[in-house]
Amino acid sequence: MLSIVKTAGSFDKVLASCNTLGARYQPATASLSITALSELSERANQSMEAVKQARTAYTLAQNERRKHLSDLPRIATRVVRMLASAGIPPELLEDAKALKDKLTSNGPAKGKQLPGATDVTSVKRGPVRKHMLAQIANFSQFVDLVASINAYTLMRLS
C-alpha cells in the first residue's frame, strides 16, 4: 500500500510540474494532456480511498472473527469435561481431547506420549494452530464428533 501511495504522490508532483509549465507544456498525445492527467490523478485518488475503506472493513471483520474464535478452546474444554463426567467410552473421550488440544495453542501436554512414539522423550511440541481456517475446521470436526455421541445429546436435552 505504501508503494501505491508513493507512486500517486510522485504522479501528483509530475502533474504539478506540468501545470507550472502552463502553455509551454504541449504533449503530442492527448492522453498526456493536463486535463487527461488530472482525471487520471483523480481516479487514482478515488481508488486509493476505496482501498483504504476496504482494508479497514477487512481488518474489522478479521478482529471480530478472531474475538469469536478465542472462545473456542474454553467451550471445547467444557464439553470435554461434560463428556468425561458422562462416562463415555475412553477412545471417544481421547478423540475429543485430541481435537480440543488442536484448538489450543499448547499442543500435546509435556510427557504425553503421541501415537506411534517410542518413548516420552520423542514428544515434540505441536505447532501453534492459530490459523483461523484451521481453527474453524478443527472445531467443525469437534462438533461432528460430539454430535455423534449419544450421551452428550441426552445430557443436552435434560
C-alpha atoms as a PDB file:
ATOM      1  CA  MET A   1       0.000   0.000   0.000  1.00  0.00           C
ATOM      2  CA  LEU A   2       2.866   2.355   0.802  1.00  0.00           C
ATOM      3  CA  SER A   3       4.348   1.986  -2.691  1.00  0.00           C
ATOM      4  CA  ILE A   4       0.972   2.876  -4.218  1.00  0.00           C
ATOM      5  CA  VAL A   5       0.794   6.000  -2.083  1.00  0.00           C
ATOM      6  CA  LYS A   6       4.332   6.949  -3.105  1.00  0.00           C
ATOM      7  CA  THR A   7       3.523   6.383  -6.773  1.00  0.00           C
ATOM      8  CA  ALA A   8       0.380   8.509  -6.538  1.00  0.00           C
ATOM      9  CA  GLY A   9       2.366  11.219  -4.737  1.00  0.00           C
ATOM     10  CA  SER A  10       5.002  11.149  -7.457  1.00  0.00           C
ATOM     11  CA  PHE A  11       2.278  11.349 -10.091  1.00  0.00           C
ATOM     12  CA  ASP A  12       0.873  14.426  -8.352  1.00  0.00           C
ATOM     13  CA  LYS A  13       4.344  16.007  -8.479  1.00  0.00           C
ATOM     14  CA  VAL A  14       4.571  15.339 -12.225  1.00  0.00           C
ATOM     15  CA  LEU A  15       1.120  16.864 -12.713  1.00  0.00           C
ATOM     16  CA  ALA A  16       2.133  19.915 -10.675  1.00  0.00           C
ATOM     17  CA  SER A  17       5.264  20.307 -12.807  1.00  0.00           C
ATOM     18  CA  CYS A  18       3.127  20.142 -15.967  1.00  0.00           C
ATOM     19  CA  ASN A  19       0.784  22.762 -14.534  1.00  0.00           C
ATOM     20  CA  THR A  20       3.685  25.111 -13.746  1.00  0.00           C
ATOM     21  CA  LEU A  21       4.855  24.846 -17.344  1.00  0.00           C
ATOM     22  CA  GLY A  22       1.435  26.108 -18.402  1.00  0.00           C
ATOM     23  CA  ALA A  23       1.158  26.880 -22.123  1.00  0.00           C
ATOM     24  CA  ARG A  24       4.680  25.606 -22.779  1.00  0.00           C
ATOM     25  CA  TYR A  25       3.537  22.048 -21.994  1.00  0.00           C
ATOM     26  CA  GLN A  26       2.135  20.776 -25.283  1.00  0.00           C
ATOM     27  CA  PRO A  27       2.300  16.943 -25.474  1.00  0.00           C
ATOM     28  CA  ALA A  28       1.891  15.222 -28.811  1.00  0.00           C
ATOM     29  CA  THR A  29      -0.598  12.728 -27.370  1.00  0.00           C
ATOM     30  CA  ALA A  30      -3.984  13.769 -25.966  1.00  0.00           C
ATOM     31  CA  SER A  31      -3.720  11.192 -23.191  1.00  0.00           C
ATOM     32  CA  LEU A  32      -0.758  13.158 -21.792  1.00  0.00           C
ATOM     33  CA  SER A  33      -2.603  16.481 -21.677  1.00  0.00           C
ATOM     34  CA  ILE A  34      -3.038  18.219 -18.344  1.00  0.00           C
ATOM     35  CA  THR A  35      -6.778  17.509 -18.387  1.00  0.00           C
ATOM     36  CA  ALA A  36      -6.273  13.784 -19.004  1.00  0.00           C
ATOM     37  CA  LEU A  37      -3.535  13.606 -16.350  1.00  0.00           C
ATOM     38  CA  SER A  38      -5.777  15.433 -13.866  1.00  0.00           C
ATOM     39  CA  GLU A  39      -8.579  12.950 -14.478  1.00  0.00           C
ATOM     40  CA  LEU A  40      -6.159  10.063 -14.071  1.00  0.00           C
ATOM     41  CA  SER A  41      -4.891  11.546 -10.814  1.00  0.00           C
ATOM     42  CA  GLU A  42      -8.452  11.923  -9.526  1.00  0.00           C
ATOM     43  CA  ARG A  43      -9.271   8.294 -10.381  1.00  0.00           C
ATOM     44  CA  ALA A  44      -6.082   7.156  -8.640  1.00  0.00           C
ATOM     45  CA  ASN A  45      -7.030   9.089  -5.507  1.00  0.00           C
ATOM     46  CA  GLN A  46     -10.549   7.598  -5.576  1.00  0.00           C
ATOM     47  CA  SER A  47      -9.082   4.113  -5.948  1.00  0.00           C
ATOM     48  CA  MET A  48      -6.718   4.670  -3.026  1.00  0.00           C
ATOM     49  CA  GLU A  49      -9.642   5.823  -0.875  1.00  0.00           C
ATOM     50  CA  ALA A  50     -11.638   2.732  -1.860  1.00  0.00           C
ATOM     51  CA  VAL A  51      -8.670   0.524  -0.938  1.00  0.00           C
ATOM     52  CA  LYS A  52      -8.371   2.229   2.461  1.00  0.00           C
ATOM     53  CA  GLN A  53     -12.061   1.667   3.179  1.00  0.00           C
ATOM     54  CA  ALA A  54     -11.911  -1.959   2.060  1.00  0.00           C
ATOM     55  CA  ARG A  55      -8.799  -2.570   4.133  1.00  0.00           C
ATOM     56  CA  THR A  56     -10.446  -1.052   7.204  1.00  0.00           C
ATOM     57  CA  ALA A  57     -13.550  -3.212   6.743  1.00  0.00           C
ATOM     58  CA  TYR A  58     -11.357  -6.304   6.296  1.00  0.00           C
ATOM     59  CA  THR A  59      -9.372  -5.534   9.445  1.00  0.00           C
ATOM     60  CA  LEU A  60     -12.546  -5.019  11.479  1.00  0.00           C
ATOM     61  CA  ALA A  61     -14.014  -8.292  10.191  1.00  0.00           C
ATOM     62  CA  GLN A  62     -10.781 -10.105  10.970  1.00  0.00           C
ATOM     63  CA  ASN A  63     -10.744  -8.721  14.524  1.00  0.00           C
ATOM     64  CA  GLU A  64     -14.372  -9.749  15.029  1.00  0.00           C
ATOM     65  CA  ARG A  65     -13.655 -13.273  13.773  1.00  0.00           C
ATOM     66  CA  ARG A  66     -10.574 -13.511  15.996  1.00  0.00           C
ATOM     67  CA  LYS A  67     -12.664 -12.457  19.001  1.00  0.00           C
ATOM     68  CA  HIS A  68     -15.229 -15.179  18.325  1.00  0.00           C
ATOM     69  CA  LEU A  69     -12.579 -17.832  17.711  1.00  0.00           C
ATOM     70  CA  SER A  70     -10.858 -17.033  21.006  1.00  0.00           C
ATOM     71  CA  ASP A  71     -13.812 -18.603  22.857  1.00  0.00           C
ATOM     72  CA  LEU A  72     -13.496 -21.983  21.101  1.00  0.00           C
ATOM     73  CA  PRO A  73     -10.829 -23.551  23.371  1.00  0.00           C
ATOM     74  CA  ARG A  74     -12.825 -22.697  26.502  1.00  0.00           C
ATOM     75  CA  ILE A  75     -16.043 -24.114  25.036  1.00  0.00           C
ATOM     76  CA  ALA A  76     -14.266 -27.288  23.887  1.00  0.00           C
ATOM     77  CA  THR A  77     -12.746 -27.759  27.348  1.00  0.00           C
ATOM     78  CA  ARG A  78     -16.175 -27.512  28.969  1.00  0.00           C
ATOM     79  CA  VAL A  79     -17.656 -30.028  26.531  1.00  0.00           C
ATOM     80  CA  VAL A  80     -14.791 -32.495  27.103  1.00  0.00           C
ATOM     81  CA  ARG A  81     -15.295 -32.226  30.869  1.00  0.00           C
ATOM     82  CA  MET A  82     -19.016 -32.898  30.398  1.00  0.00           C
ATOM     83  CA  LEU A  83     -18.196 -35.923  28.259  1.00  0.00           C
ATOM     84  CA  ALA A  84     -15.752 -37.217  30.878  1.00  0.00           C
ATOM     85  CA  SER A  85     -18.393 -36.902  33.582  1.00  0.00           C
ATOM     86  CA  ALA A  86     -20.947 -38.685  31.374  1.00  0.00           C
ATOM     87  CA  GLY A  87     -18.768 -41.792  31.281  1.00  0.00           C
ATOM     88  CA  ILE A  88     -18.414 -42.162  27.530  1.00  0.00           C
ATOM     89  CA  PRO A  89     -16.058 -44.802  26.120  1.00  0.00           C
ATOM     90  CA  PRO A  90     -12.371 -43.894  26.667  1.00  0.00           C
ATOM     91  CA  GLU A  91     -11.498 -43.936  22.959  1.00  0.00           C
ATOM     92  CA  LEU A  92     -14.192 -41.354  22.186  1.00  0.00           C
ATOM     93  CA  LEU A  93     -13.017 -39.232  25.094  1.00  0.00           C
ATOM     94  CA  GLU A  94      -9.434 -39.395  23.811  1.00  0.00           C
ATOM     95  CA  ASP A  95     -10.595 -38.343  20.344  1.00  0.00           C
ATOM     96  CA  ALA A  96     -12.481 -35.402  21.836  1.00  0.00           C
ATOM     97  CA  LYS A  97      -9.426 -34.413  23.900  1.00  0.00           C
ATOM     98  CA  ALA A  98      -7.185 -34.605  20.837  1.00  0.00           C
ATOM     99  CA  LEU A  99      -9.478 -32.274  18.901  1.00  0.00           C
ATOM    100  CA  LYS A 100      -9.695 -29.972  21.922  1.00  0.00           C
ATOM    101  CA  ASP A 101      -5.889 -29.863  22.023  1.00  0.00           C
ATOM    102  CA  LYS A 102      -5.841 -28.813  18.373  1.00  0.00           C
ATOM    103  CA  LEU A 103      -7.951 -25.785  19.288  1.00  0.00           C
ATOM    104  CA  THR A 104      -5.493 -24.650  21.932  1.00  0.00           C
ATOM    105  CA  SER A 105      -2.089 -23.224  21.139  1.00  0.00           C
ATOM    106  CA  ASN A 106      -0.305 -25.508  23.579  1.00  0.00           C
ATOM    107  CA  GLY A 107      -0.305 -28.716  21.563  1.00  0.00           C
ATOM    108  CA  PRO A 108       0.222 -32.012  23.383  1.00  0.00           C
ATOM    109  CA  ALA A 109       0.929 -31.896  27.091  1.00  0.00           C
ATOM    110  CA  LYS A 110       4.534 -32.417  28.174  1.00  0.00           C
ATOM    111  CA  GLY A 111       5.315 -36.024  28.911  1.00  0.00           C
ATOM    112  CA  LYS A 112       2.291 -37.257  26.985  1.00  0.00           C
ATOM    113  CA  GLN A 113       3.225 -39.942  24.510  1.00  0.00           C
ATOM    114  CA  LEU A 114       1.983 -39.389  20.989  1.00  0.00           C
ATOM    115  CA  PRO A 115       0.608 -42.311  18.974  1.00  0.00           C
ATOM    116  CA  GLY A 116       3.498 -44.052  17.225  1.00  0.00           C
ATOM    117  CA  ALA A 117       6.139 -42.519  19.524  1.00  0.00           C
ATOM    118  CA  THR A 118       8.572 -44.986  21.070  1.00  0.00           C
ATOM    119  CA  ASP A 119       9.343 -43.078  24.253  1.00  0.00           C
ATOM    120  CA  VAL A 120       8.284 -39.967  26.124  1.00  0.00           C
ATOM    121  CA  THR A 121      11.467 -38.089  25.169  1.00  0.00           C
ATOM    122  CA  SER A 122      10.499 -38.165  21.490  1.00  0.00           C
ATOM    123  CA  VAL A 123       7.444 -35.975  22.149  1.00  0.00           C
ATOM    124  CA  LYS A 124       7.736 -32.652  20.421  1.00  0.00           C
ATOM    125  CA  ARG A 125       5.577 -29.672  20.964  1.00  0.00           C
ATOM    126  CA  GLY A 126       2.927 -29.346  18.274  1.00  0.00           C
ATOM    127  CA  PRO A 127       2.747 -26.303  16.049  1.00  0.00           C
ATOM    128  CA  VAL A 128       0.632 -23.402  17.130  1.00  0.00           C
ATOM    129  CA  ARG A 129      -2.720 -23.886  15.468  1.00  0.00           C
ATOM    130  CA  LYS A 130      -3.841 -20.292  15.386  1.00  0.00           C
ATOM    131  CA  HIS A 131      -4.761 -20.033  11.721  1.00  0.00           C
ATOM    132  CA  MET A 132      -8.435 -19.098  11.542  1.00  0.00           C
ATOM    133  CA  LEU A 133      -9.393 -21.604   8.870  1.00  0.00           C
ATOM    134  CA  ALA A 134      -7.631 -24.414  10.718  1.00  0.00           C
ATOM    135  CA  GLN A 135      -9.439 -23.476  13.933  1.00  0.00           C
ATOM    136  CA  ILE A 136     -12.791 -23.470  12.156  1.00  0.00           C
ATOM    137  CA  ALA A 137     -12.086 -26.861  10.567  1.00  0.00           C
ATOM    138  CA  ASN A 138     -10.919 -28.353  13.875  1.00  0.00           C
ATOM    139  CA  PHE A 139     -13.958 -27.031  15.716  1.00  0.00           C
ATOM    140  CA  SER A 140     -16.222 -28.420  12.999  1.00  0.00           C
ATOM    141  CA  GLN A 141     -14.642 -31.850  13.467  1.00  0.00           C
ATOM    142  CA  PHE A 142     -15.065 -31.468  17.234  1.00  0.00           C
ATOM    143  CA  VAL A 143     -18.764 -30.612  16.844  1.00  0.00           C
ATOM    144  CA  ASP A 144     -19.299 -33.562  14.493  1.00  0.00           C
ATOM    145  CA  LEU A 145     -17.640 -35.930  16.963  1.00  0.00           C
ATOM    146  CA  VAL A 146     -19.614 -34.634  19.930  1.00  0.00           C
ATOM    147  CA  ALA A 147     -22.868 -34.696  17.970  1.00  0.00           C
ATOM    148  CA  SER A 148     -22.301 -38.382  17.214  1.00  0.00           C
ATOM    149  CA  ILE A 149     -22.059 -39.230  20.925  1.00  0.00           C
ATOM    150  CA  ASN A 150     -25.465 -40.212  22.299  1.00  0.00           C
ATOM    151  CA  ALA A 151     -24.532 -39.480  25.909  1.00  0.00           C
ATOM    152  CA  TYR A 152     -23.866 -35.819  25.085  1.00  0.00           C
ATOM    153  CA  THR A 153     -27.179 -35.496  23.239  1.00  0.00           C
ATOM    154  CA  LEU A 154     -29.018 -36.919  26.247  1.00  0.00           C
ATOM    155  CA  MET A 155     -27.134 -34.565  28.614  1.00  0.00           C
ATOM    156  CA  ARG A 156     -28.043 -31.591  26.472  1.00  0.00           C
ATOM    157  CA  LEU A 157     -31.758 -32.493  26.427  1.00  0.00           C
ATOM    158  CA  SER A 158     -32.067 -32.942  30.182  1.00  0.00           C
END
